[in-house]
Amino acid sequence: MRQRIKRREGTVVSAKMTKTVVVQVDRLVEHPIYGKRMKQRRRFMAHDEKGACGEGDRVMIVEAQPLSKNKRWRVSSIITKAAG
């Protein structure tokens, strides 16, 4: 049985590299003891073949085969462009 492809939605925080963007994914997690909801952040390096992404864009990334030492994701679509 094939595994499902992992997808994440996040915000581009850096687009300074060639064909690579850094995407920050925020999610709310409930504390196991106290029950308070906390924001967890994770940053992924993603492959952007066309170089279409800019800082502040909301993007969908999907898991891919390893492309470099740190890149294991690629940008599948831009959900919303940043203003400006």
Protein backbone atom coordinates (compact mmCIF):
# COMPACT_ATOMS: atom_id res chain seq x y z
CA MET A 1 0.00 0.00 0.00
CA ARG A 2 1.32 3.43 -0.94
CA GLN A 3 1.63 6.07 1.73
CA ARG A 4 -0.21 9.36 1.45
CA ILE A 5 1.79 12.35 0.25
CA LYS A 6 2.43 14.79 3.10
CA ARG A 7 1.17 18.33 2.45
CA ARG A 8 1.74 21.45 4.52
CA GLU A 9 0.46 25.00 4.22
CA GLY A 10 2.73 27.80 5.33
CA THR A 11 4.19 31.25 4.80
CA VAL A 12 7.36 32.02 2.86
CA VAL A 13 9.79 33.69 5.28
CA SER A 14 12.84 33.78 3.00
CA ALA A 15 13.18 33.76 -0.79
CA LYS A 16 16.81 34.86 -1.09
CA MET A 17 18.22 31.59 -2.44
CA THR A 18 18.07 30.47 -6.06
CA LYS A 19 15.15 28.06 -6.64
CA THR A 20 14.73 27.58 -2.88
CA VAL A 21 12.35 29.16 -0.36
CA VAL A 22 12.05 28.76 3.39
CA VAL A 23 8.45 28.03 4.43
CA GLN A 24 7.29 28.42 8.04
CA VAL A 25 4.40 26.16 9.06
CA ASP A 26 2.47 27.16 12.19
CA ARG A 27 0.15 24.79 14.03
CA LEU A 28 -1.72 24.83 17.33
CA VAL A 29 -0.98 21.99 19.75
CA GLU A 30 -2.66 21.37 23.07
CA HIS A 31 -0.32 20.91 26.04
CA PRO A 32 -0.64 17.32 27.30
CA ILE A 33 -0.95 18.27 30.99
CA TYR A 34 -2.21 21.84 31.20
CA GLY A 35 -4.50 21.87 28.18
CA LYS A 36 -3.33 25.27 26.98
CA ARG A 37 -3.06 25.60 23.22
CA MET A 38 0.43 26.53 22.08
CA LYS A 39 1.71 27.66 18.69
CA GLN A 40 4.41 25.41 17.23
CA ARG A 41 6.50 26.59 14.32
CA ARG A 42 8.57 24.55 11.91
CA ARG A 43 10.61 25.76 8.96
CA PHE A 44 11.05 23.74 5.77
CA MET A 45 13.30 24.39 2.80
CA ALA A 46 11.26 23.89 -0.35
CA HIS A 47 12.16 23.76 -4.04
CA ASP A 48 10.66 26.58 -6.13
CA GLU A 49 11.53 25.73 -9.74
CA LYS A 50 10.12 28.89 -11.35
CA GLY A 51 11.20 31.31 -8.61
CA ALA A 52 7.63 32.62 -8.40
CA CYS A 53 7.40 32.79 -4.60
CA GLY A 54 8.18 35.90 -2.60
CA GLU A 55 8.33 36.67 1.10
CA GLY A 56 4.93 36.70 2.76
CA ASP A 57 3.26 34.42 0.19
CA ARG A 58 0.99 31.67 1.50
CA VAL A 59 2.01 28.40 -0.22
CA MET A 60 1.22 24.68 -0.26
CA ILE A 61 4.26 22.40 -0.10
CA VAL A 62 4.40 18.65 -0.73
CA GLU A 63 6.98 16.09 0.30
CA ALA A 64 9.46 15.10 -2.40
CA GLN A 65 12.56 12.99 -2.79
CA PRO A 66 15.71 14.56 -1.33
CA LEU A 67 16.87 17.39 -3.61
CA SER A 68 19.85 18.53 -1.51
CA LYS A 69 21.20 18.27 2.03
CA ASN A 70 18.25 20.16 3.57
CA LYS A 71 15.58 20.19 0.82
CA ARG A 72 12.91 17.47 0.99
CA TRP A 73 9.86 19.53 -0.03
CA ARG A 74 8.68 21.35 -3.15
CA VAL A 75 6.19 24.16 -3.66
CA SER A 76 3.05 22.77 -5.30
CA SER A 77 0.97 25.97 -5.44
CA ILE A 78 0.81 29.56 -4.31
CA ILE A 79 -2.42 30.09 -2.34
CA THR A 80 -2.18 33.87 -1.91
CA LYS A 81 0.46 36.40 -2.95
CA ALA A 82 1.77 38.91 -0.43
CA ALA A 83 0.57 42.48 -0.76
CA GLY A 84 3.15 44.72 -2.42
